[in-house]
Amino acid sequence: MLYGTPALDPADKAVLAEIEDMRQDLRFRLAETHRWDGQLRRQLQARAIQGSNSIEGYRAGVEDIQSIMAGEEPLETSASVAKEIAGYQQALTYITLLSCAPAFRYDVGVLNALNFMMIGHNRHKTPGVIRPGSIFVRNGRSGEVVYEGPDVEVVPGLLDELVTWLNEGDLEAPSYVRAAMAHLNLVNIHPWRDGNGRMSRALQTLVLGRDRITTPEFASIEEWLGEQRTKVEYYDVLGTVGGRRWSPHGDTLPWVRFCLKAHHMQAQRVRRRLAEAGEIWTLLEEQVDADGLNTRCVSALYEAFVSRRLRRSRYQADEDLSQGQAARDLRDLATKGWLRPYGETKGRYYEAGPRMAEIKADFAGRAAPLRDPYREEAG
């Protein structure tokens, strides 16, 4: 028996309708091709990877995550954390492919394969194989056991039940609700020795991707979940709804509401970023033209705007340049005060110079706070 899908109240349906409206708006905006689309998608995927891994204590900057995604050595992240990031990115890449696969069914083999991709570098944790015994989740500070997974003897049956439900169960329920319930059930089954939280969040993204909820990097709520305040709420609601042991029941609406709120807040954020991207790109084009620089330099300036750090290799790949061309462009941008170089040779990178810092500061004060849809409904 799995945790049951709840019926939605009118307030939940109203929030769900707003989420759908925002997703449709995002879909129409993404249908148009823009110069900044690739960089924005990369940023969003990096932030999703950052959010999900930070929940587990694997912390890395967005810039280093983008380097890892490109197969480069990160500048600040440790080798052990870089392996966790690379594994998770590999699993998300596969999820992107599965989201579009014409022939697909959920099965335990797919779940085990995704777990192996995530933690395959930790062979001592038997990646991709059902845990051999009991498993306990402890409070990172106190060491107290906050959750005990179901007995290992029942785990294979629970996974089979979950897979059957993913393929056939509650198909009339909204996709966001089904994705939330997939997350809740997998994280409480806790079938592997490691990677259970990341797997559950990734499965939520896969369920949405299979239901054509835009694209995974725009549908994921992992960035939102990784923020400190949200992370505390995430653990609290999982503890409240899931209990301290495997105990399926029907009172799962608080969990679904938490996920709907997360989707709403993240959709607001992505929609804002999409709108800002066009405004920022246009402004930077005007500045590059006024300085007599090649138009392609806007790509480097946009990266410097949305990131803390820019590397020559990333700009070179984005604009399909030779190493010499990319280096000259970045040198010119530094000379004109747009960028500030640090380090030497392979470790060289660029941060915002005084002119870019001024533009970033101007935009930082414009954004209105995101709107909590449930707080507004309650009021």
Foldseek 3Di string as FASTA:
>chain_A
DFFDQADDDPLLVVLVVLLVVLLVVVQVLVVDDDLCVVVLLLLLVLLLLQLLVVLVVLHDFSVQLSCLVVVHHGQDHDPVSSLQSNLLSVLLVVLQVLLPDPDDADDLQNLQVSQCSRPVVPVVQVGSDFDPFKDFDADPPPRHTLATADTLVCLVVLRRVLRCCLHDNPPVDDLLSNLLSQLLRQLRNVGTSDDSNVSSQSSSLSSCSNVPSPGSSLQHLSSVCRDPVNVVVLVVLSCVQCPRYRDHDHPNVVSSLSSSLSSQQSSVVSVVVSVVLVVLLVVLQVVCVVVVHDSLLSVVLSCLLVHFKADLVVSCVSVVHDSVVSVVSVVVCVVVFQWDWDDDDPSIIIHGGPVSVVVSVVVVPPDDDGDRSVVVVVD
